[in-house]
Amino acid sequence: MPFPSSQRARSGPRRRSLLAVAPAALALTGCTGGDSGGPAGEDASAADRARARAARDSEGLVERYEAVIAARPGLAGRLGPLREEVVRHARAFGGGRKASPSASPSSSPSVTSSASPSPSAAVPGNDKDALAGLAAAERELADRRTKALGGVPGELARLLASVAAAGAAHVYLLTEGDA
């Protein structure tokens, strides 16, 4: 028996029209950014400050990963790749003075960041709580970076958005085993 076609009219755009318009919309949004109406020096210094803060935040997150790995060595295999990603994020923002992929995790991180109030604070005594603490730090940082997107020029906004998305993926990977 053939399936009768629906008599109701479709509302809204069709999938094909959305697919046709999407590349143009992406091209337009990629061309925005840069001039906010103020002097160019103000934009550059604001972007530099945002980039420096993002680098410090990523370095602070690396320290948190190192503290957890040092306190909970059984998690090193699971956390190592995520830590390496955060190291790459710090470098992408121009940081990386302390965040080197070859550095071994130390139990006494030295400089604290505004992203993580206290990376040298005691790591929770069990794996589940240690992972939850890292997930919370990743989530908070990803949320903050997402909120900062509107105040930075195009290329930095794209980088912040990409790193925020990676942070959200890290949250999922850190909490997935708890389900």
C-alpha atoms as a PDB file:
ATOM      1  CA  MET A   1       0.000   0.000   0.000  1.00  0.00           C
ATOM      2  CA  PRO A   2       1.512   3.336  -1.010  1.00  0.00           C
ATOM      3  CA  PHE A   3       2.122   5.950   1.635  1.00  0.00           C
ATOM      4  CA  PRO A   4      -0.225   8.923   1.141  1.00  0.00           C
ATOM      5  CA  SER A   5       1.468  12.286   0.790  1.00  0.00           C
ATOM      6  CA  SER A   6       0.789  14.893   3.428  1.00  0.00           C
ATOM      7  CA  GLN A   7      -1.576  17.701   2.551  1.00  0.00           C
ATOM      8  CA  ARG A   8      -0.168  20.173   5.064  1.00  0.00           C
ATOM      9  CA  ALA A   9       2.076  22.921   3.765  1.00  0.00           C
ATOM     10  CA  ARG A  10       5.604  23.092   5.081  1.00  0.00           C
ATOM     11  CA  SER A  11       6.463  26.169   7.044  1.00  0.00           C
ATOM     12  CA  GLY A  12       9.933  27.658   7.151  1.00  0.00           C
ATOM     13  CA  PRO A  13      12.885  27.133   4.858  1.00  0.00           C
ATOM     14  CA  ARG A  14      13.577  23.805   3.226  1.00  0.00           C
ATOM     15  CA  ARG A  15      16.795  21.927   3.852  1.00  0.00           C
ATOM     16  CA  ARG A  16      18.107  22.574   0.318  1.00  0.00           C
ATOM     17  CA  SER A  17      17.654  26.320   0.639  1.00  0.00           C
ATOM     18  CA  LEU A  18      19.481  26.300   3.972  1.00  0.00           C
ATOM     19  CA  LEU A  19      22.349  24.320   2.452  1.00  0.00           C
ATOM     20  CA  ALA A  20      22.543  26.792  -0.423  1.00  0.00           C
ATOM     21  CA  VAL A  21      22.599  29.840   1.860  1.00  0.00           C
ATOM     22  CA  ALA A  22      24.947  28.481   4.546  1.00  0.00           C
ATOM     23  CA  PRO A  23      28.246  28.998   2.644  1.00  0.00           C
ATOM     24  CA  ALA A  24      27.355  32.610   1.886  1.00  0.00           C
ATOM     25  CA  ALA A  25      26.445  33.239   5.523  1.00  0.00           C
ATOM     26  CA  LEU A  26      29.720  31.710   6.679  1.00  0.00           C
ATOM     27  CA  ALA A  27      31.670  33.839   4.213  1.00  0.00           C
ATOM     28  CA  LEU A  28      29.970  36.974   5.471  1.00  0.00           C
ATOM     29  CA  THR A  29      30.611  36.208   9.124  1.00  0.00           C
ATOM     30  CA  GLY A  30      34.218  35.349   8.365  1.00  0.00           C
ATOM     31  CA  CYS A  31      34.719  38.797   6.876  1.00  0.00           C
ATOM     32  CA  THR A  32      33.515  40.669   9.933  1.00  0.00           C
ATOM     33  CA  GLY A  33      35.607  41.795  12.860  1.00  0.00           C
ATOM     34  CA  GLY A  34      38.465  44.143  13.250  1.00  0.00           C
ATOM     35  CA  ASP A  35      37.000  47.658  13.216  1.00  0.00           C
ATOM     36  CA  SER A  36      34.858  48.454  16.227  1.00  0.00           C
ATOM     37  CA  GLY A  37      34.787  52.172  15.565  1.00  0.00           C
ATOM     38  CA  GLY A  38      37.602  52.968  18.017  1.00  0.00           C
ATOM     39  CA  PRO A  39      41.248  53.666  17.313  1.00  0.00           C
ATOM     40  CA  ALA A  40      43.142  50.712  15.908  1.00  0.00           C
ATOM     41  CA  GLY A  41      45.565  50.751  18.853  1.00  0.00           C
ATOM     42  CA  GLU A  42      42.739  50.182  21.332  1.00  0.00           C
ATOM     43  CA  ASP A  43      41.465  47.185  19.356  1.00  0.00           C
ATOM     44  CA  ALA A  44      44.946  45.697  19.136  1.00  0.00           C
ATOM     45  CA  SER A  45      45.682  46.155  22.820  1.00  0.00           C
ATOM     46  CA  ALA A  46      42.278  44.724  23.827  1.00  0.00           C
ATOM     47  CA  ALA A  47      42.918  41.724  21.586  1.00  0.00           C
ATOM     48  CA  ASP A  48      46.419  41.354  23.023  1.00  0.00           C
ATOM     49  CA  ARG A  49      45.024  41.418  26.568  1.00  0.00           C
ATOM     50  CA  ALA A  50      42.351  38.858  25.661  1.00  0.00           C
ATOM     51  CA  ARG A  51      44.941  36.623  23.999  1.00  0.00           C
ATOM     52  CA  ALA A  52      47.301  36.886  26.994  1.00  0.00           C
ATOM     53  CA  ARG A  53      44.497  36.065  29.411  1.00  0.00           C
ATOM     54  CA  ALA A  54      43.459  33.057  27.313  1.00  0.00           C
ATOM     55  CA  ALA A  55      47.066  31.836  27.331  1.00  0.00           C
ATOM     56  CA  ARG A  56      47.300  32.246  31.129  1.00  0.00           C
ATOM     57  CA  ASP A  57      43.977  30.482  31.584  1.00  0.00           C
ATOM     58  CA  SER A  58      45.138  27.536  29.484  1.00  0.00           C
ATOM     59  CA  GLU A  59      48.431  27.385  31.373  1.00  0.00           C
ATOM     60  CA  GLY A  60      46.513  27.334  34.658  1.00  0.00           C
ATOM     61  CA  LEU A  61      44.400  24.484  33.337  1.00  0.00           C
ATOM     62  CA  VAL A  62      47.566  22.590  32.377  1.00  0.00           C
ATOM     63  CA  GLU A  63      48.706  22.978  35.984  1.00  0.00           C
ATOM     64  CA  ARG A  64      45.424  21.525  37.219  1.00  0.00           C
ATOM     65  CA  TYR A  65      45.843  18.544  34.907  1.00  0.00           C
ATOM     66  CA  GLU A  66      49.408  18.068  36.150  1.00  0.00           C
ATOM     67  CA  ALA A  67      48.298  18.218  39.786  1.00  0.00           C
ATOM     68  CA  VAL A  68      45.631  15.575  39.212  1.00  0.00           C
ATOM     69  CA  ILE A  69      48.002  13.352  37.232  1.00  0.00           C
ATOM     70  CA  ALA A  70      50.628  13.644  39.983  1.00  0.00           C
ATOM     71  CA  ALA A  71      48.119  12.848  42.730  1.00  0.00           C
ATOM     72  CA  ARG A  72      46.184  10.185  40.790  1.00  0.00           C
ATOM     73  CA  PRO A  73      48.729   8.397  38.535  1.00  0.00           C
ATOM     74  CA  GLY A  74      46.109   5.845  37.517  1.00  0.00           C
ATOM     75  CA  LEU A  75      44.387   8.597  35.517  1.00  0.00           C
ATOM     76  CA  ALA A  76      47.518   9.559  33.546  1.00  0.00           C
ATOM     77  CA  GLY A  77      46.522   7.519  30.486  1.00  0.00           C
ATOM     78  CA  ARG A  78      43.097   9.138  30.343  1.00  0.00           C
ATOM     79  CA  LEU A  79      44.223  12.686  31.165  1.00  0.00           C
ATOM     80  CA  GLY A  80      47.492  12.833  29.218  1.00  0.00           C
ATOM     81  CA  PRO A  81      45.932  13.459  25.782  1.00  0.00           C
ATOM     82  CA  LEU A  82      43.577  16.090  27.197  1.00  0.00           C
ATOM     83  CA  ARG A  83      46.479  17.831  28.914  1.00  0.00           C
ATOM     84  CA  GLU A  84      48.424  17.845  25.643  1.00  0.00           C
ATOM     85  CA  GLU A  85      45.460  19.529  23.927  1.00  0.00           C
ATOM     86  CA  VAL A  86      45.390  22.232  26.597  1.00  0.00           C
ATOM     87  CA  VAL A  87      49.147  22.733  26.101  1.00  0.00           C
ATOM     88  CA  ARG A  88      48.470  23.295  22.384  1.00  0.00           C
ATOM     89  CA  HIS A  89      45.717  25.764  23.287  1.00  0.00           C
ATOM     90  CA  ALA A  90      48.121  27.761  25.445  1.00  0.00           C
ATOM     91  CA  ARG A  91      50.623  27.860  22.588  1.00  0.00           C
ATOM     92  CA  ALA A  92      47.942  28.920  20.103  1.00  0.00           C
ATOM     93  CA  PHE A  93      47.229  31.933  22.309  1.00  0.00           C
ATOM     94  CA  GLY A  94      50.929  32.786  22.492  1.00  0.00           C
ATOM     95  CA  GLY A  95      51.642  31.161  25.838  1.00  0.00           C
ATOM     96  CA  GLY A  96      53.504  28.006  26.543  1.00  0.00           C
ATOM     97  CA  ARG A  97      56.363  29.249  28.670  1.00  0.00           C
ATOM     98  CA  LYS A  98      55.507  26.582  31.263  1.00  0.00           C
ATOM     99  CA  ALA A  99      53.133  24.417  29.276  1.00  0.00           C
ATOM    100  CA  SER A 100      55.396  22.118  27.330  1.00  0.00           C
ATOM    101  CA  PRO A 101      54.276  18.721  26.116  1.00  0.00           C
ATOM    102  CA  SER A 102      57.524  17.094  27.179  1.00  0.00           C
ATOM    103  CA  ALA A 103      57.320  18.438  30.714  1.00  0.00           C
ATOM    104  CA  SER A 104      56.592  15.810  33.262  1.00  0.00           C
ATOM    105  CA  PRO A 105      53.704  16.462  35.613  1.00  0.00           C
ATOM    106  CA  SER A 106      54.912  18.139  38.755  1.00  0.00           C
ATOM    107  CA  SER A 107      53.264  17.988  42.120  1.00  0.00           C
ATOM    108  CA  SER A 108      53.975  21.640  42.864  1.00  0.00           C
ATOM    109  CA  PRO A 109      52.724  24.005  40.160  1.00  0.00           C
ATOM    110  CA  SER A 110      54.139  27.460  40.728  1.00  0.00           C
ATOM    111  CA  VAL A 111      52.010  30.189  39.152  1.00  0.00           C
ATOM    112  CA  THR A 112      48.271  30.340  39.625  1.00  0.00           C
ATOM    113  CA  SER A 113      45.869  31.591  36.987  1.00  0.00           C
ATOM    114  CA  SER A 114      42.632  33.514  37.069  1.00  0.00           C
ATOM    115  CA  ALA A 115      40.956  30.499  35.440  1.00  0.00           C
ATOM    116  CA  SER A 116      41.761  28.134  38.237  1.00  0.00           C
ATOM    117  CA  PRO A 117      41.704  29.644  41.667  1.00  0.00           C
ATOM    118  CA  SER A 118      44.079  27.129  43.174  1.00  0.00           C
ATOM    119  CA  PRO A 119      45.691  24.451  41.025  1.00  0.00           C
ATOM    120  CA  SER A 120      47.933  23.503  43.932  1.00  0.00           C
ATOM    121  CA  ALA A 121      44.896  22.850  46.143  1.00  0.00           C
ATOM    122  CA  ALA A 122      44.476  19.324  47.359  1.00  0.00           C
ATOM    123  CA  VAL A 123      43.317  16.991  44.627  1.00  0.00           C
ATOM    124  CA  PRO A 124      40.281  14.967  45.693  1.00  0.00           C
ATOM    125  CA  GLY A 125      41.071  11.545  47.076  1.00  0.00           C
ATOM    126  CA  ASN A 126      39.192   9.529  44.492  1.00  0.00           C
ATOM    127  CA  ASP A 127      39.238   9.397  40.710  1.00  0.00           C
ATOM    128  CA  LYS A 128      35.600  10.385  40.237  1.00  0.00           C
ATOM    129  CA  ASP A 129      35.937  13.610  42.240  1.00  0.00           C
ATOM    130  CA  ALA A 130      39.271  14.463  40.626  1.00  0.00           C
ATOM    131  CA  LEU A 131      37.728  14.089  37.162  1.00  0.00           C
ATOM    132  CA  ALA A 132      34.682  16.116  38.238  1.00  0.00           C
ATOM    133  CA  GLY A 133      36.968  18.929  39.402  1.00  0.00           C
ATOM    134  CA  LEU A 134      38.777  19.011  36.062  1.00  0.00           C
ATOM    135  CA  ALA A 135      35.467  18.892  34.195  1.00  0.00           C
ATOM    136  CA  ALA A 136      34.174  21.845  36.229  1.00  0.00           C
ATOM    137  CA  ALA A 137      37.328  23.856  35.455  1.00  0.00           C
ATOM    138  CA  GLU A 138      37.059  23.031  31.743  1.00  0.00           C
ATOM    139  CA  ARG A 139      33.344  23.939  31.710  1.00  0.00           C
ATOM    140  CA  GLU A 140      33.879  27.266  33.477  1.00  0.00           C
ATOM    141  CA  LEU A 141      36.697  28.228  31.130  1.00  0.00           C
ATOM    142  CA  ALA A 142      34.767  27.205  28.006  1.00  0.00           C
ATOM    143  CA  ASP A 143      31.780  29.257  29.172  1.00  0.00           C
ATOM    144  CA  ARG A 144      33.948  32.289  29.856  1.00  0.00           C
ATOM    145  CA  ARG A 145      35.614  32.032  26.453  1.00  0.00           C
ATOM    146  CA  THR A 146      32.256  31.751  24.737  1.00  0.00           C
ATOM    147  CA  LYS A 147      31.058  34.917  26.482  1.00  0.00           C
ATOM    148  CA  ALA A 148      34.212  36.779  25.388  1.00  0.00           C
ATOM    149  CA  LEU A 149      33.646  36.112  21.672  1.00  0.00           C
ATOM    150  CA  GLY A 150      31.756  39.345  20.996  1.00  0.00           C
ATOM    151  CA  GLY A 151      34.489  41.575  22.365  1.00  0.00           C
ATOM    152  CA  VAL A 152      37.422  40.371  20.276  1.00  0.00           C
ATOM    153  CA  PRO A 153      38.361  40.688  16.589  1.00  0.00           C
ATOM    154  CA  GLY A 154      37.492  37.997  14.048  1.00  0.00           C
ATOM    155  CA  GLU A 155      40.532  35.727  14.047  1.00  0.00           C
ATOM    156  CA  LEU A 156      40.866  35.712  17.829  1.00  0.00           C
ATOM    157  CA  ALA A 157      37.115  35.106  18.146  1.00  0.00           C
ATOM    158  CA  ARG A 158      37.410  32.070  15.874  1.00  0.00           C
ATOM    159  CA  LEU A 159      40.318  30.755  17.945  1.00  0.00           C
ATOM    160  CA  LEU A 160      38.441  31.334  21.211  1.00  0.00           C
ATOM    161  CA  ALA A 161      35.360  29.602  19.789  1.00  0.00           C
ATOM    162  CA  SER A 162      37.417  26.624  18.644  1.00  0.00           C
ATOM    163  CA  VAL A 163      39.170  26.258  21.989  1.00  0.00           C
ATOM    164  CA  ALA A 164      35.870  26.687  23.866  1.00  0.00           C
ATOM    165  CA  ALA A 165      34.392  23.884  21.765  1.00  0.00           C
ATOM    166  CA  ALA A 166      37.405  21.694  22.537  1.00  0.00           C
ATOM    167  CA  GLY A 167      36.921  22.477  26.232  1.00  0.00           C
ATOM    168  CA  ALA A 168      33.290  21.402  26.002  1.00  0.00           C
ATOM    169  CA  ALA A 169      34.433  18.156  24.382  1.00  0.00           C
ATOM    170  CA  HIS A 170      36.919  17.688  27.245  1.00  0.00           C
ATOM    171  CA  VAL A 171      34.057  18.086  29.728  1.00  0.00           C
ATOM    172  CA  TYR A 172      32.192  15.313  27.941  1.00  0.00           C
ATOM    173  CA  LEU A 173      35.258  13.053  27.904  1.00  0.00           C
ATOM    174  CA  LEU A 174      35.944  13.690  31.586  1.00  0.00           C
ATOM    175  CA  THR A 175      32.369  12.967  32.643  1.00  0.00           C
ATOM    176  CA  GLU A 176      31.412  10.249  30.137  1.00  0.00           C
ATOM    177  CA  GLY A 177      32.590   7.415  32.402  1.00  0.00           C
ATOM    178  CA  ASP A 178      30.273   8.606  35.168  1.00  0.00           C
ATOM    179  CA  ALA A 179      27.063   7.918  33.238  1.00  0.00           C
END
